[in-house]
Amino acid sequence: MFNGEESKEDLKNLLGYMGIEILFAIDKGAKDFETIKLFSGLPTSCIKGRTPVLLELNLIKVIKKEYILTEKGLNFKNQLEKNTD
C-alpha cells in the first residue's frame, strides 16, 4: 500500500484538509506556490506551511523548482479517491 510506516489514516490526520487539497492540486498540474494557490484556493501562507510536511512524508518532491507527486503520494491520492467513489 504505502512505502512508509504511516497508514492512510495517519497521513490524513497529519496532512489535514489543506495538505490533502495541496496534494490534489499538484496532481492536477500545479507546480509552484502560485499555481497551487490557483488550483486549491488556499492562501499562500497555508501552502508554504504544509508543503514541508508533504515533502517530509515523501508524498511530493521538488524537481527543477517544481513540485510533483512521488509514487507514495500518487498511491495515497488514489486511496483517497477510492474512498470517495
N, C-alpha and C. Protein backbone atom coordinates (compact mmCIF):
# COMPACT_ATOMS: atom_id res chain seq x y z
N MET A 1 0.82 -1.19 0.00
CA MET A 1 0.00 0.00 0.00
C MET A 1 0.86 1.25 0.00
N PHE A 2 1.57 1.54 1.08
CA PHE A 2 2.44 2.71 1.16
C PHE A 2 3.86 2.26 1.41
N ASN A 3 4.81 3.09 0.97
CA ASN A 3 6.22 2.74 1.14
C ASN A 3 6.78 3.19 2.48
N GLY A 4 5.98 3.87 3.29
CA GLY A 4 6.45 4.33 4.58
C GLY A 4 5.75 3.60 5.70
N GLU A 5 5.95 4.05 6.90
CA GLU A 5 5.35 3.41 8.06
C GLU A 5 3.97 3.96 8.36
N GLU A 6 3.58 5.05 7.75
CA GLU A 6 2.32 5.70 8.06
C GLU A 6 1.16 4.99 7.35
N SER A 7 0.05 4.86 8.05
CA SER A 7 -1.16 4.33 7.43
C SER A 7 -1.87 5.47 6.71
N LYS A 8 -2.87 5.10 5.93
CA LYS A 8 -3.65 6.12 5.23
C LYS A 8 -4.29 7.07 6.24
N GLU A 9 -4.81 6.54 7.32
CA GLU A 9 -5.45 7.38 8.34
C GLU A 9 -4.43 8.29 9.01
N ASP A 10 -3.23 7.77 9.27
CA ASP A 10 -2.17 8.60 9.84
C ASP A 10 -1.87 9.78 8.92
N LEU A 11 -1.72 9.49 7.63
CA LEU A 11 -1.41 10.55 6.67
C LEU A 11 -2.55 11.57 6.57
N LYS A 12 -3.77 11.09 6.56
CA LYS A 12 -4.91 12.02 6.51
C LYS A 12 -4.90 12.96 7.71
N ASN A 13 -4.61 12.41 8.88
CA ASN A 13 -4.59 13.23 10.10
C ASN A 13 -3.41 14.20 10.10
N LEU A 14 -2.26 13.75 9.63
CA LEU A 14 -1.08 14.61 9.59
C LEU A 14 -1.25 15.77 8.60
N LEU A 15 -1.85 15.47 7.45
CA LEU A 15 -1.99 16.49 6.40
C LEU A 15 -3.16 17.42 6.65
N GLY A 16 -4.25 16.90 7.13
CA GLY A 16 -5.45 17.70 7.30
C GLY A 16 -6.02 18.10 5.95
N TYR A 17 -7.09 18.86 6.00
CA TYR A 17 -7.79 19.28 4.78
C TYR A 17 -6.86 20.02 3.83
N MET A 18 -6.09 20.97 4.36
CA MET A 18 -5.24 21.79 3.49
C MET A 18 -4.15 20.96 2.81
N GLY A 19 -3.52 20.08 3.53
CA GLY A 19 -2.48 19.25 2.94
C GLY A 19 -3.02 18.37 1.83
N ILE A 20 -4.20 17.82 2.04
CA ILE A 20 -4.82 16.98 1.02
C ILE A 20 -5.20 17.81 -0.20
N GLU A 21 -5.71 19.01 0.01
CA GLU A 21 -6.03 19.90 -1.12
C GLU A 21 -4.79 20.24 -1.93
N ILE A 22 -3.68 20.46 -1.25
CA ILE A 22 -2.41 20.75 -1.93
C ILE A 22 -1.96 19.54 -2.74
N LEU A 23 -2.08 18.37 -2.16
CA LEU A 23 -1.71 17.13 -2.86
C LEU A 23 -2.53 16.98 -4.15
N PHE A 24 -3.84 17.21 -4.07
CA PHE A 24 -4.69 17.10 -5.25
C PHE A 24 -4.37 18.19 -6.28
N ALA A 25 -4.03 19.38 -5.81
CA ALA A 25 -3.68 20.46 -6.75
C ALA A 25 -2.41 20.10 -7.52
N ILE A 26 -1.43 19.54 -6.83
CA ILE A 26 -0.19 19.13 -7.50
C ILE A 26 -0.49 18.02 -8.51
N ASP A 27 -1.36 17.11 -8.13
CA ASP A 27 -1.73 16.04 -9.06
C ASP A 27 -2.40 16.59 -10.32
N LYS A 28 -3.14 17.68 -10.17
CA LYS A 28 -3.85 18.27 -11.31
C LYS A 28 -2.95 19.17 -12.16
N GLY A 29 -1.68 19.30 -11.77
CA GLY A 29 -0.73 20.05 -12.59
C GLY A 29 -0.13 21.28 -11.96
N ALA A 30 -0.52 21.63 -10.74
CA ALA A 30 0.09 22.77 -10.06
C ALA A 30 1.55 22.43 -9.75
N LYS A 31 2.45 23.37 -10.02
CA LYS A 31 3.88 23.08 -9.87
C LYS A 31 4.61 23.98 -8.88
N ASP A 32 4.00 25.11 -8.52
CA ASP A 32 4.65 26.05 -7.60
C ASP A 32 3.58 26.66 -6.70
N PHE A 33 4.02 27.51 -5.76
CA PHE A 33 3.07 28.08 -4.81
C PHE A 33 1.92 28.81 -5.49
N GLU A 34 2.22 29.57 -6.53
CA GLU A 34 1.19 30.35 -7.21
C GLU A 34 0.14 29.46 -7.87
N THR A 35 0.60 28.43 -8.59
CA THR A 35 -0.39 27.55 -9.25
C THR A 35 -1.10 26.65 -8.25
N ILE A 36 -0.42 26.27 -7.17
CA ILE A 36 -1.11 25.51 -6.12
C ILE A 36 -2.22 26.37 -5.53
N LYS A 37 -1.93 27.64 -5.32
CA LYS A 37 -2.94 28.58 -4.81
C LYS A 37 -4.13 28.67 -5.76
N LEU A 38 -3.87 28.77 -7.05
CA LEU A 38 -4.95 28.86 -8.04
C LEU A 38 -5.79 27.59 -8.08
N PHE A 39 -5.13 26.43 -8.04
CA PHE A 39 -5.85 25.16 -8.13
C PHE A 39 -6.61 24.82 -6.84
N SER A 40 -6.05 25.18 -5.70
CA SER A 40 -6.63 24.77 -4.42
C SER A 40 -7.51 25.83 -3.76
N GLY A 41 -7.24 27.09 -4.06
CA GLY A 41 -7.97 28.17 -3.40
C GLY A 41 -7.45 28.49 -2.01
N LEU A 42 -6.35 27.87 -1.62
CA LEU A 42 -5.77 28.11 -0.30
C LEU A 42 -4.84 29.31 -0.33
N PRO A 43 -4.71 30.02 0.79
CA PRO A 43 -3.76 31.13 0.86
C PRO A 43 -2.31 30.63 0.79
N THR A 44 -1.45 31.46 0.25
CA THR A 44 -0.04 31.11 0.10
C THR A 44 0.60 30.74 1.43
N SER A 45 0.23 31.42 2.50
CA SER A 45 0.83 31.12 3.81
C SER A 45 0.51 29.68 4.24
N CYS A 46 -0.68 29.21 3.94
CA CYS A 46 -1.04 27.82 4.27
C CYS A 46 -0.26 26.84 3.41
N ILE A 47 -0.10 27.17 2.16
CA ILE A 47 0.65 26.31 1.24
C ILE A 47 2.10 26.21 1.68
N LYS A 48 2.69 27.35 2.03
CA LYS A 48 4.09 27.36 2.49
C LYS A 48 4.25 26.58 3.80
N GLY A 49 3.22 26.54 4.60
CA GLY A 49 3.28 25.80 5.87
C GLY A 49 3.08 24.31 5.72
N ARG A 50 2.33 23.89 4.70
CA ARG A 50 2.02 22.46 4.53
C ARG A 50 2.97 21.73 3.60
N THR A 51 3.57 22.43 2.64
CA THR A 51 4.45 21.72 1.69
C THR A 51 5.64 21.05 2.38
N PRO A 52 6.24 21.64 3.43
CA PRO A 52 7.33 20.91 4.10
C PRO A 52 6.87 19.57 4.69
N VAL A 53 5.63 19.52 5.14
CA VAL A 53 5.09 18.28 5.69
C VAL A 53 4.95 17.25 4.57
N LEU A 54 4.40 17.67 3.43
CA LEU A 54 4.27 16.77 2.29
C LEU A 54 5.63 16.26 1.83
N LEU A 55 6.62 17.14 1.83
CA LEU A 55 7.99 16.75 1.45
C LEU A 55 8.57 15.77 2.46
N GLU A 56 8.42 16.05 3.74
CA GLU A 56 8.98 15.20 4.80
C GLU A 56 8.35 13.81 4.79
N LEU A 57 7.07 13.73 4.44
CA LEU A 57 6.38 12.45 4.38
C LEU A 57 6.61 11.73 3.05
N ASN A 58 7.42 12.35 2.20
CA ASN A 58 7.76 11.76 0.89
C ASN A 58 6.52 11.57 0.00
N LEU A 59 5.58 12.49 0.09
CA LEU A 59 4.40 12.45 -0.77
C LEU A 59 4.60 13.29 -2.03
N ILE A 60 5.48 14.29 -1.92
CA ILE A 60 5.84 15.12 -3.06
C ILE A 60 7.36 15.27 -3.08
N LYS A 61 7.88 15.71 -4.22
CA LYS A 61 9.30 16.04 -4.32
C LYS A 61 9.44 17.26 -5.22
N VAL A 62 10.62 17.88 -5.17
CA VAL A 62 10.89 19.05 -5.98
C VAL A 62 11.92 18.68 -7.05
N ILE A 63 11.56 18.94 -8.29
CA ILE A 63 12.48 18.73 -9.41
C ILE A 63 12.48 20.01 -10.23
N LYS A 64 13.65 20.61 -10.37
CA LYS A 64 13.80 21.88 -11.10
C LYS A 64 12.80 22.93 -10.61
N LYS A 65 12.73 23.07 -9.28
CA LYS A 65 11.89 24.07 -8.61
C LYS A 65 10.40 23.85 -8.83
N GLU A 66 10.00 22.64 -9.20
CA GLU A 66 8.59 22.32 -9.39
C GLU A 66 8.21 21.11 -8.53
N TYR A 67 7.03 21.19 -7.93
CA TYR A 67 6.54 20.10 -7.10
C TYR A 67 5.87 19.04 -7.97
N ILE A 68 6.14 17.78 -7.66
CA ILE A 68 5.45 16.67 -8.31
C ILE A 68 5.17 15.61 -7.26
N LEU A 69 4.19 14.77 -7.53
CA LEU A 69 3.87 13.68 -6.62
C LEU A 69 4.92 12.58 -6.73
N THR A 70 5.23 11.98 -5.60
CA THR A 70 6.07 10.78 -5.60
C THR A 70 5.15 9.58 -5.82
N GLU A 71 5.74 8.41 -5.96
CA GLU A 71 4.93 7.20 -6.08
C GLU A 71 4.06 7.02 -4.84
N LYS A 72 4.63 7.29 -3.67
CA LYS A 72 3.87 7.20 -2.43
C LYS A 72 2.71 8.19 -2.42
N GLY A 73 2.98 9.41 -2.90
CA GLY A 73 1.93 10.43 -2.97
C GLY A 73 0.82 10.04 -3.92
N LEU A 74 1.18 9.48 -5.05
CA LEU A 74 0.19 9.03 -6.03
C LEU A 74 -0.65 7.88 -5.47
N ASN A 75 0.00 6.95 -4.80
CA ASN A 75 -0.73 5.83 -4.17
C ASN A 75 -1.70 6.35 -3.11
N PHE A 76 -1.26 7.30 -2.31
CA PHE A 76 -2.12 7.87 -1.27
C PHE A 76 -3.30 8.59 -1.90
N LYS A 77 -3.07 9.37 -2.93
CA LYS A 77 -4.15 10.08 -3.61
C LYS A 77 -5.16 9.09 -4.19
N ASN A 78 -4.67 8.02 -4.78
CA ASN A 78 -5.56 7.01 -5.36
C ASN A 78 -6.41 6.34 -4.27
N GLN A 79 -5.80 6.08 -3.11
CA GLN A 79 -6.55 5.50 -1.99
C GLN A 79 -7.65 6.46 -1.51
N LEU A 80 -7.34 7.74 -1.45
CA LEU A 80 -8.34 8.74 -1.05
C LEU A 80 -9.49 8.77 -2.06
N GLU A 81 -9.18 8.71 -3.33
CA GLU A 81 -10.21 8.75 -4.37
C GLU A 81 -11.08 7.50 -4.34
N LYS A 82 -10.50 6.36 -4.04
CA LYS A 82 -11.28 5.12 -3.93
C LYS A 82 -12.37 5.23 -2.88
N ASN A 83 -12.04 5.90 -1.79
CA ASN A 83 -13.00 6.01 -0.67
C ASN A 83 -14.10 7.01 -0.94
N THR A 84 -13.93 7.88 -1.94
CA THR A 84 -14.97 8.87 -2.23
C THR A 84 -15.89 8.40 -3.35
N ASP A 85 -15.54 7.30 -4.02
CA ASP A 85 -16.40 6.78 -5.10
C ASP A 85 -17.64 6.11 -4.55
